[in-house]
Amino acid sequence: MLFIVAVALAVARLRQLFAAVMLFAIFSLLSAAVFVSLDAVDVAFTEAAVGAGISTILMLATLSMTRSREEGERRLKPLALVAVVVTGAVLLYGTVDYPNVGDPLAPAHQHVAPRYLEESGAEIGIPNVVTSVLASYRGYDTLGEVTVIFTAGIGVLCLLGPVIRIFRKDDED
């Protein structure tokens, strides 16, 4: 966790954009390692693929079309600060009705969770309950999420396609 905090602080201080992108990739890989240590392999895999993989590629592609160093002076923008504080307050307000963490009387623990915990190992054959739920019981939901991510990636490539072709044409001249 100390490495994650150190990398986050380093990213906030950097003005060289390539180094910031690389540190973002390291941040994602460190986050994936934390998820593995918490036995959330599926979440770690997603963080490594999306956070360190796809996001880094998209940021490097964007960086290849811009300058490599941040220009201008960093100023505190009061309107942006107000927007962040208001958004944070609304998000915190939205969590007021959540049950307490670990509450055995929470609705999620009353319906299918006991069945998943007791029978998923025998039914599916996967010792990690989270993986068995995402890969089997909620397989179509997971497939839908992957489809949304894939479609978003294709959309970004379609948006960047004309820009990339323009840069390639300039390089050929």
N, C-alpha and C. Protein backbone atom coordinates (compact mmCIF):
# COMPACT_ATOMS: atom_id res chain seq x y z
N MET A 1 0.82 -1.19 0.00
CA MET A 1 0.00 0.00 0.00
C MET A 1 0.87 1.26 0.00
N LEU A 2 2.02 1.18 0.65
CA LEU A 2 2.91 2.34 0.66
C LEU A 2 3.43 2.64 -0.74
N PHE A 3 3.72 1.59 -1.52
CA PHE A 3 4.15 1.79 -2.90
C PHE A 3 3.05 2.48 -3.71
N ILE A 4 1.81 2.06 -3.50
CA ILE A 4 0.69 2.65 -4.23
C ILE A 4 0.57 4.14 -3.91
N VAL A 5 0.68 4.48 -2.63
CA VAL A 5 0.61 5.88 -2.22
C VAL A 5 1.78 6.67 -2.80
N ALA A 6 2.98 6.08 -2.78
CA ALA A 6 4.16 6.77 -3.31
C ALA A 6 4.02 7.01 -4.81
N VAL A 7 3.52 6.02 -5.54
CA VAL A 7 3.34 6.18 -6.98
C VAL A 7 2.27 7.24 -7.26
N ALA A 8 1.19 7.24 -6.50
CA ALA A 8 0.13 8.24 -6.70
C ALA A 8 0.66 9.65 -6.46
N LEU A 9 1.46 9.82 -5.42
CA LEU A 9 2.03 11.14 -5.16
C LEU A 9 3.02 11.55 -6.25
N ALA A 10 3.78 10.60 -6.75
CA ALA A 10 4.73 10.89 -7.82
C ALA A 10 4.00 11.32 -9.09
N VAL A 11 2.90 10.65 -9.41
CA VAL A 11 2.12 11.01 -10.59
C VAL A 11 1.58 12.43 -10.45
N ALA A 12 1.12 12.78 -9.28
CA ALA A 12 0.56 14.11 -9.06
C ALA A 12 1.61 15.21 -9.21
N ARG A 13 2.86 14.88 -8.95
CA ARG A 13 3.93 15.89 -9.01
C ARG A 13 4.60 15.99 -10.38
N LEU A 14 4.47 14.98 -11.21
CA LEU A 14 5.18 14.95 -12.49
C LEU A 14 4.62 15.94 -13.49
N ARG A 15 5.52 16.44 -14.33
CA ARG A 15 5.10 17.29 -15.44
C ARG A 15 5.43 16.63 -16.78
N GLN A 16 6.21 15.56 -16.76
CA GLN A 16 6.51 14.81 -17.97
C GLN A 16 5.42 13.76 -18.14
N LEU A 17 4.66 13.89 -19.22
CA LEU A 17 3.46 13.08 -19.39
C LEU A 17 3.77 11.61 -19.64
N PHE A 18 4.85 11.31 -20.37
CA PHE A 18 5.21 9.91 -20.60
C PHE A 18 5.50 9.21 -19.28
N ALA A 19 6.26 9.86 -18.42
CA ALA A 19 6.57 9.27 -17.11
C ALA A 19 5.30 9.09 -16.28
N ALA A 20 4.37 10.03 -16.37
CA ALA A 20 3.11 9.91 -15.64
C ALA A 20 2.30 8.72 -16.14
N VAL A 21 2.27 8.51 -17.45
CA VAL A 21 1.55 7.36 -18.01
C VAL A 21 2.18 6.06 -17.52
N MET A 22 3.50 5.99 -17.52
CA MET A 22 4.16 4.77 -17.06
C MET A 22 3.90 4.53 -15.56
N LEU A 23 3.88 5.59 -14.79
CA LEU A 23 3.58 5.44 -13.37
C LEU A 23 2.13 5.02 -13.14
N PHE A 24 1.21 5.49 -14.00
CA PHE A 24 -0.18 5.02 -13.93
C PHE A 24 -0.24 3.52 -14.17
N ALA A 25 0.54 3.02 -15.13
CA ALA A 25 0.58 1.58 -15.40
C ALA A 25 1.12 0.82 -14.19
N ILE A 26 2.16 1.37 -13.57
CA ILE A 26 2.71 0.73 -12.36
C ILE A 26 1.68 0.75 -11.24
N PHE A 27 0.96 1.86 -11.11
CA PHE A 27 -0.10 1.96 -10.10
C PHE A 27 -1.14 0.85 -10.32
N SER A 28 -1.54 0.63 -11.55
CA SER A 28 -2.53 -0.41 -11.85
C SER A 28 -1.99 -1.79 -11.54
N LEU A 29 -0.74 -2.04 -11.86
CA LEU A 29 -0.16 -3.35 -11.56
C LEU A 29 -0.04 -3.57 -10.05
N LEU A 30 0.32 -2.53 -9.31
CA LEU A 30 0.37 -2.65 -7.86
C LEU A 30 -1.03 -2.90 -7.29
N SER A 31 -2.03 -2.24 -7.85
CA SER A 31 -3.41 -2.48 -7.41
C SER A 31 -3.82 -3.92 -7.70
N ALA A 32 -3.43 -4.43 -8.86
CA ALA A 32 -3.73 -5.82 -9.19
C ALA A 32 -3.07 -6.78 -8.21
N ALA A 33 -1.84 -6.47 -7.81
CA ALA A 33 -1.15 -7.30 -6.83
C ALA A 33 -1.87 -7.30 -5.48
N VAL A 34 -2.39 -6.14 -5.08
CA VAL A 34 -3.16 -6.06 -3.84
C VAL A 34 -4.41 -6.93 -3.94
N PHE A 35 -5.10 -6.87 -5.09
CA PHE A 35 -6.30 -7.69 -5.29
C PHE A 35 -5.97 -9.18 -5.24
N VAL A 36 -4.82 -9.57 -5.79
CA VAL A 36 -4.42 -10.99 -5.72
C VAL A 36 -4.18 -11.39 -4.28
N SER A 37 -3.53 -10.51 -3.52
CA SER A 37 -3.28 -10.85 -2.11
C SER A 37 -4.57 -10.95 -1.30
N LEU A 38 -5.64 -10.32 -1.80
CA LEU A 38 -6.95 -10.40 -1.13
C LEU A 38 -7.81 -11.53 -1.70
N ASP A 39 -7.19 -12.40 -2.52
CA ASP A 39 -7.88 -13.53 -3.16
C ASP A 39 -9.01 -13.09 -4.08
N ALA A 40 -8.88 -11.94 -4.69
CA ALA A 40 -9.85 -11.48 -5.68
C ALA A 40 -9.17 -11.51 -7.05
N VAL A 41 -8.90 -12.72 -7.51
CA VAL A 41 -8.13 -12.91 -8.74
C VAL A 41 -8.85 -12.33 -9.94
N ASP A 42 -10.17 -12.46 -9.98
CA ASP A 42 -10.92 -11.94 -11.11
C ASP A 42 -10.82 -10.42 -11.19
N VAL A 43 -10.88 -9.75 -10.07
CA VAL A 43 -10.75 -8.30 -10.05
C VAL A 43 -9.32 -7.90 -10.41
N ALA A 44 -8.35 -8.67 -9.94
CA ALA A 44 -6.95 -8.39 -10.27
C ALA A 44 -6.71 -8.54 -11.76
N PHE A 45 -7.30 -9.56 -12.36
CA PHE A 45 -7.15 -9.77 -13.80
C PHE A 45 -7.74 -8.59 -14.58
N THR A 46 -8.91 -8.14 -14.18
CA THR A 46 -9.55 -7.02 -14.85
C THR A 46 -8.71 -5.75 -14.68
N GLU A 47 -8.20 -5.51 -13.48
CA GLU A 47 -7.37 -4.32 -13.24
C GLU A 47 -6.10 -4.37 -14.08
N ALA A 48 -5.48 -5.53 -14.16
CA ALA A 48 -4.26 -5.64 -14.96
C ALA A 48 -4.56 -5.44 -16.45
N ALA A 49 -5.65 -6.04 -16.94
CA ALA A 49 -5.96 -5.94 -18.36
C ALA A 49 -6.43 -4.55 -18.75
N VAL A 50 -7.36 -4.00 -17.98
CA VAL A 50 -7.93 -2.70 -18.34
C VAL A 50 -7.05 -1.56 -17.84
N GLY A 51 -6.65 -1.61 -16.56
CA GLY A 51 -5.89 -0.52 -15.98
C GLY A 51 -4.48 -0.40 -16.52
N ALA A 52 -3.74 -1.52 -16.47
CA ALA A 52 -2.35 -1.47 -16.92
C ALA A 52 -2.22 -1.68 -18.42
N GLY A 53 -3.14 -2.42 -19.01
CA GLY A 53 -3.04 -2.73 -20.43
C GLY A 53 -3.69 -1.72 -21.33
N ILE A 54 -4.99 -1.80 -21.44
CA ILE A 54 -5.73 -0.98 -22.41
C ILE A 54 -5.59 0.51 -22.11
N SER A 55 -5.73 0.89 -20.84
CA SER A 55 -5.64 2.32 -20.50
C SER A 55 -4.27 2.89 -20.84
N THR A 56 -3.23 2.12 -20.57
CA THR A 56 -1.87 2.60 -20.87
C THR A 56 -1.68 2.76 -22.37
N ILE A 57 -2.19 1.81 -23.14
CA ILE A 57 -2.07 1.91 -24.60
C ILE A 57 -2.82 3.13 -25.12
N LEU A 58 -4.03 3.35 -24.62
CA LEU A 58 -4.80 4.52 -25.06
C LEU A 58 -4.12 5.83 -24.65
N MET A 59 -3.57 5.88 -23.44
CA MET A 59 -2.89 7.10 -23.02
C MET A 59 -1.62 7.33 -23.84
N LEU A 60 -0.88 6.26 -24.17
CA LEU A 60 0.31 6.43 -24.99
C LEU A 60 -0.06 6.85 -26.41
N ALA A 61 -1.16 6.31 -26.94
CA ALA A 61 -1.62 6.73 -28.27
C ALA A 61 -2.00 8.20 -28.26
N THR A 62 -2.68 8.63 -27.21
CA THR A 62 -3.05 10.04 -27.09
C THR A 62 -1.80 10.90 -26.94
N LEU A 63 -0.86 10.43 -26.16
CA LEU A 63 0.38 11.18 -25.94
C LEU A 63 1.18 11.31 -27.22
N SER A 64 1.10 10.32 -28.12
CA SER A 64 1.83 10.41 -29.38
C SER A 64 1.27 11.51 -30.27
N MET A 65 0.05 11.96 -29.99
CA MET A 65 -0.57 13.02 -30.79
C MET A 65 -0.49 14.39 -30.11
N THR A 66 0.14 14.44 -28.95
CA THR A 66 0.24 15.70 -28.21
C THR A 66 1.69 15.98 -27.85
N ARG A 67 1.89 16.97 -27.04
CA ARG A 67 3.24 17.27 -26.56
C ARG A 67 3.59 16.34 -25.41
N SER A 68 4.89 16.17 -25.19
CA SER A 68 5.33 15.22 -24.18
C SER A 68 5.49 15.84 -22.80
N ARG A 69 5.28 17.14 -22.71
CA ARG A 69 5.45 17.81 -21.42
C ARG A 69 4.27 18.73 -21.19
N GLU A 70 3.80 18.74 -19.95
CA GLU A 70 2.70 19.63 -19.59
C GLU A 70 3.20 21.07 -19.61
N GLU A 71 2.43 21.90 -20.26
CA GLU A 71 2.83 23.31 -20.33
C GLU A 71 1.90 24.16 -19.50
N GLY A 72 2.38 25.30 -19.14
CA GLY A 72 1.55 26.20 -18.36
C GLY A 72 1.71 25.97 -16.88
N GLU A 73 1.15 26.89 -16.16
CA GLU A 73 1.24 26.86 -14.71
C GLU A 73 0.03 26.16 -14.12
N ARG A 74 0.25 25.38 -13.10
CA ARG A 74 -0.87 24.72 -12.42
C ARG A 74 -1.49 25.69 -11.44
N ARG A 75 -2.79 25.92 -11.60
CA ARG A 75 -3.49 26.81 -10.70
C ARG A 75 -4.68 26.08 -10.10
N LEU A 76 -4.97 26.41 -8.89
CA LEU A 76 -6.16 25.87 -8.24
C LEU A 76 -7.38 26.54 -8.86
N LYS A 77 -8.29 25.74 -9.37
CA LYS A 77 -9.49 26.28 -10.01
C LYS A 77 -10.64 26.09 -9.04
N PRO A 78 -11.18 27.19 -8.52
CA PRO A 78 -12.23 27.09 -7.49
C PRO A 78 -13.47 26.35 -7.98
N LEU A 79 -13.87 26.54 -9.22
CA LEU A 79 -15.06 25.87 -9.73
C LEU A 79 -14.85 24.35 -9.78
N ALA A 80 -13.67 23.93 -10.19
CA ALA A 80 -13.37 22.50 -10.23
C ALA A 80 -13.36 21.92 -8.81
N LEU A 81 -12.81 22.65 -7.87
CA LEU A 81 -12.79 22.20 -6.49
C LEU A 81 -14.20 22.07 -5.93
N VAL A 82 -15.05 23.03 -6.24
CA VAL A 82 -16.45 22.96 -5.79
C VAL A 82 -17.15 21.75 -6.41
N ALA A 83 -16.89 21.50 -7.71
CA ALA A 83 -17.51 20.36 -8.38
C ALA A 83 -17.08 19.04 -7.75
N VAL A 84 -15.81 18.93 -7.40
CA VAL A 84 -15.31 17.71 -6.77
C VAL A 84 -15.92 17.52 -5.39
N VAL A 85 -15.98 18.58 -4.61
CA VAL A 85 -16.54 18.49 -3.25
C VAL A 85 -18.02 18.14 -3.30
N VAL A 86 -18.78 18.78 -4.19
CA VAL A 86 -20.22 18.50 -4.31
C VAL A 86 -20.44 17.06 -4.77
N THR A 87 -19.68 16.61 -5.76
CA THR A 87 -19.81 15.23 -6.23
C THR A 87 -19.48 14.24 -5.12
N GLY A 88 -18.41 14.50 -4.38
CA GLY A 88 -18.06 13.63 -3.26
C GLY A 88 -19.14 13.60 -2.20
N ALA A 89 -19.72 14.74 -1.89
CA ALA A 89 -20.80 14.80 -0.89
C ALA A 89 -22.02 14.01 -1.36
N VAL A 90 -22.38 14.13 -2.64
CA VAL A 90 -23.52 13.39 -3.17
C VAL A 90 -23.25 11.88 -3.11
N LEU A 91 -22.04 11.48 -3.46
CA LEU A 91 -21.70 10.05 -3.40
C LEU A 91 -21.74 9.53 -1.97
N LEU A 92 -21.23 10.31 -1.03
CA LEU A 92 -21.29 9.89 0.37
C LEU A 92 -22.73 9.82 0.87
N TYR A 93 -23.56 10.77 0.46
CA TYR A 93 -24.96 10.75 0.84
C TYR A 93 -25.65 9.50 0.29
N GLY A 94 -25.25 9.07 -0.88
CA GLY A 94 -25.83 7.88 -1.48
C GLY A 94 -25.51 6.60 -0.73
N THR A 95 -24.51 6.63 0.12
CA THR A 95 -24.14 5.42 0.87
C THR A 95 -24.79 5.35 2.25
N VAL A 96 -25.59 6.34 2.61
CA VAL A 96 -26.17 6.39 3.95
C VAL A 96 -27.07 5.18 4.22
N ASP A 97 -27.82 4.75 3.21
CA ASP A 97 -28.76 3.64 3.39
C ASP A 97 -28.11 2.26 3.27
N TYR A 98 -26.83 2.20 2.98
CA TYR A 98 -26.17 0.90 2.84
C TYR A 98 -26.15 0.20 4.20
N PRO A 99 -26.26 -1.13 4.19
CA PRO A 99 -26.10 -1.85 5.46
C PRO A 99 -24.63 -1.80 5.90
N ASN A 100 -24.42 -2.01 7.17
CA ASN A 100 -23.05 -2.02 7.69
C ASN A 100 -22.27 -3.18 7.08
N VAL A 101 -20.96 -2.97 6.92
CA VAL A 101 -20.11 -4.01 6.35
C VAL A 101 -20.12 -5.23 7.27
N GLY A 102 -20.37 -6.39 6.69
CA GLY A 102 -20.39 -7.63 7.45
C GLY A 102 -21.67 -7.90 8.20
N ASP A 103 -22.67 -7.06 8.02
CA ASP A 103 -23.95 -7.26 8.70
C ASP A 103 -24.61 -8.53 8.20
N PRO A 104 -24.80 -9.54 9.06
CA PRO A 104 -25.39 -10.79 8.60
C PRO A 104 -26.87 -10.67 8.23
N LEU A 105 -27.50 -9.58 8.63
CA LEU A 105 -28.92 -9.38 8.30
C LEU A 105 -29.12 -8.54 7.04
N ALA A 106 -28.01 -8.20 6.35
CA ALA A 106 -28.12 -7.41 5.12
C ALA A 106 -28.85 -8.24 4.07
N PRO A 107 -29.63 -7.59 3.20
CA PRO A 107 -30.40 -8.32 2.19
C PRO A 107 -29.56 -9.24 1.31
N ALA A 108 -28.35 -8.84 0.99
CA ALA A 108 -27.50 -9.68 0.14
C ALA A 108 -27.15 -10.99 0.80
N HIS A 109 -27.13 -11.01 2.13
CA HIS A 109 -26.76 -12.23 2.85
C HIS A 109 -27.95 -13.13 3.13
N GLN A 110 -29.14 -12.71 2.78
CA GLN A 110 -30.33 -13.49 3.09
C GLN A 110 -30.85 -14.31 1.91
N HIS A 111 -30.47 -13.95 0.71
CA HIS A 111 -31.09 -14.57 -0.46
C HIS A 111 -30.24 -15.72 -1.01
N VAL A 112 -29.35 -15.43 -1.94
CA VAL A 112 -28.60 -16.50 -2.60
C VAL A 112 -27.18 -16.67 -2.07
N ALA A 113 -26.68 -15.72 -1.31
CA ALA A 113 -25.30 -15.81 -0.83
C ALA A 113 -25.03 -17.08 -0.03
N PRO A 114 -25.92 -17.49 0.88
CA PRO A 114 -25.64 -18.74 1.60
C PRO A 114 -25.53 -19.95 0.65
N ARG A 115 -26.36 -19.99 -0.36
CA ARG A 115 -26.30 -21.11 -1.30
C ARG A 115 -24.98 -21.07 -2.07
N TYR A 116 -24.58 -19.89 -2.53
CA TYR A 116 -23.31 -19.79 -3.25
C TYR A 116 -22.14 -20.25 -2.38
N LEU A 117 -22.13 -19.80 -1.13
CA LEU A 117 -21.02 -20.15 -0.24
C LEU A 117 -20.98 -21.65 0.06
N GLU A 118 -22.14 -22.25 0.22
CA GLU A 118 -22.19 -23.65 0.62
C GLU A 118 -22.05 -24.61 -0.56
N GLU A 119 -22.59 -24.27 -1.72
CA GLU A 119 -22.68 -25.26 -2.78
C GLU A 119 -21.87 -24.96 -4.03
N SER A 120 -21.27 -23.78 -4.14
CA SER A 120 -20.58 -23.45 -5.39
C SER A 120 -19.36 -24.33 -5.62
N GLY A 121 -18.65 -24.69 -4.57
CA GLY A 121 -17.48 -25.56 -4.74
C GLY A 121 -17.85 -26.90 -5.34
N ALA A 122 -18.94 -27.50 -4.86
CA ALA A 122 -19.37 -28.81 -5.37
C ALA A 122 -20.03 -28.67 -6.75
N GLU A 123 -20.81 -27.63 -6.96
CA GLU A 123 -21.52 -27.47 -8.23
C GLU A 123 -20.59 -27.07 -9.38
N ILE A 124 -19.69 -26.17 -9.11
CA ILE A 124 -18.86 -25.60 -10.16
C ILE A 124 -17.46 -26.21 -10.18
N GLY A 125 -16.93 -26.52 -9.03
CA GLY A 125 -15.59 -27.08 -8.95
C GLY A 125 -14.49 -26.04 -8.86
N ILE A 126 -14.87 -24.80 -8.59
CA ILE A 126 -13.89 -23.72 -8.45
C ILE A 126 -13.86 -23.32 -6.98
N PRO A 127 -12.68 -23.38 -6.34
CA PRO A 127 -12.63 -23.08 -4.90
C PRO A 127 -12.90 -21.62 -4.55
N ASN A 128 -12.63 -20.69 -5.44
CA ASN A 128 -12.86 -19.28 -5.17
C ASN A 128 -14.32 -18.96 -5.47
N VAL A 129 -15.08 -18.59 -4.46
CA VAL A 129 -16.51 -18.36 -4.61
C VAL A 129 -16.78 -17.19 -5.55
N VAL A 130 -16.00 -16.12 -5.46
CA VAL A 130 -16.23 -14.96 -6.31
C VAL A 130 -16.05 -15.34 -7.78
N THR A 131 -14.99 -16.09 -8.07
CA THR A 131 -14.75 -16.51 -9.45
C THR A 131 -15.86 -17.42 -9.93
N SER A 132 -16.32 -18.33 -9.08
CA SER A 132 -17.39 -19.23 -9.50
C SER A 132 -18.69 -18.46 -9.76
N VAL A 133 -18.96 -17.45 -8.97
CA VAL A 133 -20.18 -16.66 -9.19
C VAL A 133 -20.08 -15.88 -10.50
N LEU A 134 -18.94 -15.22 -10.73
CA LEU A 134 -18.79 -14.41 -11.93
C LEU A 134 -18.68 -15.25 -13.19
N ALA A 135 -18.02 -16.39 -13.11
CA ALA A 135 -17.79 -17.20 -14.31
C ALA A 135 -18.94 -18.13 -14.62
N SER A 136 -19.71 -18.53 -13.63
CA SER A 136 -20.75 -19.52 -13.89
C SER A 136 -22.14 -18.98 -13.62
N TYR A 137 -22.42 -18.68 -12.36
CA TYR A 137 -23.78 -18.25 -12.01
C TYR A 137 -24.18 -16.96 -12.72
N ARG A 138 -23.24 -16.04 -12.83
CA ARG A 138 -23.52 -14.76 -13.49
C ARG A 138 -22.74 -14.64 -14.79
N GLY A 139 -22.56 -15.75 -15.48
CA GLY A 139 -21.76 -15.77 -16.70
C GLY A 139 -22.29 -14.85 -17.79
N TYR A 140 -23.61 -14.83 -17.97
CA TYR A 140 -24.17 -13.96 -19.00
C TYR A 140 -24.00 -12.49 -18.64
N ASP A 141 -24.10 -12.18 -17.37
CA ASP A 141 -23.88 -10.81 -16.92
C ASP A 141 -22.43 -10.40 -17.18
N THR A 142 -21.49 -11.29 -16.84
CA THR A 142 -20.08 -11.01 -17.08
C THR A 142 -19.81 -10.87 -18.57
N LEU A 143 -20.44 -11.73 -19.38
CA LEU A 143 -20.29 -11.62 -20.83
C LEU A 143 -20.82 -10.27 -21.32
N GLY A 144 -21.91 -9.81 -20.75
CA GLY A 144 -22.44 -8.50 -21.12
C GLY A 144 -21.49 -7.38 -20.77
N GLU A 145 -20.86 -7.47 -19.59
CA GLU A 145 -19.91 -6.44 -19.19
C GLU A 145 -18.70 -6.43 -20.11
N VAL A 146 -18.22 -7.61 -20.47
CA VAL A 146 -17.08 -7.69 -21.39
C VAL A 146 -17.46 -7.13 -22.75
N THR A 147 -18.68 -7.39 -23.19
CA THR A 147 -19.15 -6.86 -24.47
C THR A 147 -19.20 -5.34 -24.45
N VAL A 148 -19.65 -4.77 -23.33
CA VAL A 148 -19.68 -3.30 -23.21
C VAL A 148 -18.27 -2.73 -23.28
N ILE A 149 -17.33 -3.35 -22.58
CA ILE A 149 -15.94 -2.87 -22.60
C ILE A 149 -15.35 -3.00 -24.00
N PHE A 150 -15.61 -4.11 -24.66
CA PHE A 150 -15.11 -4.31 -26.02
C PHE A 150 -15.69 -3.27 -26.97
N THR A 151 -16.99 -3.02 -26.85
CA THR A 151 -17.65 -2.03 -27.71
C THR A 151 -17.08 -0.64 -27.46
N ALA A 152 -16.81 -0.31 -26.20
CA ALA A 152 -16.20 0.99 -25.88
C ALA A 152 -14.81 1.10 -26.50
N GLY A 153 -14.04 0.02 -26.42
CA GLY A 153 -12.71 0.02 -27.03
C GLY A 153 -12.76 0.20 -28.53
N ILE A 154 -13.70 -0.48 -29.19
CA ILE A 154 -13.85 -0.32 -30.64
C ILE A 154 -14.28 1.11 -30.97
N GLY A 155 -15.16 1.68 -30.14
CA GLY A 155 -15.58 3.06 -30.35
C GLY A 155 -14.41 4.03 -30.26
N VAL A 156 -13.53 3.83 -29.28
CA VAL A 156 -12.36 4.69 -29.14
C VAL A 156 -11.45 4.54 -30.35
N LEU A 157 -11.24 3.31 -30.81
CA LEU A 157 -10.41 3.10 -31.99
C LEU A 157 -11.02 3.76 -33.23
N CYS A 158 -12.33 3.71 -33.35
CA CYS A 158 -13.00 4.37 -34.48
C CYS A 158 -12.83 5.88 -34.40
N LEU A 159 -12.89 6.42 -33.19
CA LEU A 159 -12.70 7.86 -33.03
C LEU A 159 -11.26 8.27 -33.33
N LEU A 160 -10.30 7.44 -32.91
CA LEU A 160 -8.89 7.76 -33.13
C LEU A 160 -8.43 7.43 -34.54
N GLY A 161 -9.16 6.57 -35.24
CA GLY A 161 -8.76 6.12 -36.57
C GLY A 161 -8.47 7.25 -37.54
N PRO A 162 -9.40 8.18 -37.75
CA PRO A 162 -9.11 9.28 -38.67
C PRO A 162 -7.92 10.13 -38.23
N VAL A 163 -7.75 10.33 -36.96
CA VAL A 163 -6.63 11.12 -36.46
C VAL A 163 -5.32 10.40 -36.73
N ILE A 164 -5.30 9.09 -36.50
CA ILE A 164 -4.08 8.31 -36.74
C ILE A 164 -3.73 8.32 -38.23
N ARG A 165 -4.73 8.20 -39.12
CA ARG A 165 -4.48 8.23 -40.56
C ARG A 165 -3.90 9.58 -40.99
N ILE A 166 -4.36 10.67 -40.40
CA ILE A 166 -3.84 12.00 -40.75
C ILE A 166 -2.36 12.09 -40.37
N PHE A 167 -2.00 11.58 -39.19
CA PHE A 167 -0.60 11.64 -38.77
C PHE A 167 0.26 10.75 -39.64
N ARG A 168 -0.22 9.60 -40.05
CA ARG A 168 0.54 8.72 -40.91
C ARG A 168 0.76 9.37 -42.27
N LYS A 169 -0.25 10.07 -42.79
CA LYS A 169 -0.11 10.74 -44.08
C LYS A 169 0.95 11.82 -44.00
N ASP A 170 1.01 12.55 -42.89
CA ASP A 170 2.02 13.59 -42.72
C ASP A 170 3.42 13.00 -42.65
N ASP A 171 3.57 11.81 -42.04
CA ASP A 171 4.88 11.17 -41.92
C ASP A 171 5.38 10.69 -43.28
N GLU A 172 4.46 10.31 -44.18
CA GLU A 172 4.86 9.81 -45.49
C GLU A 172 5.33 10.91 -46.40
N ASP A 173 4.87 12.14 -46.20
CA ASP A 173 5.22 13.26 -47.09
C ASP A 173 6.63 13.73 -46.91
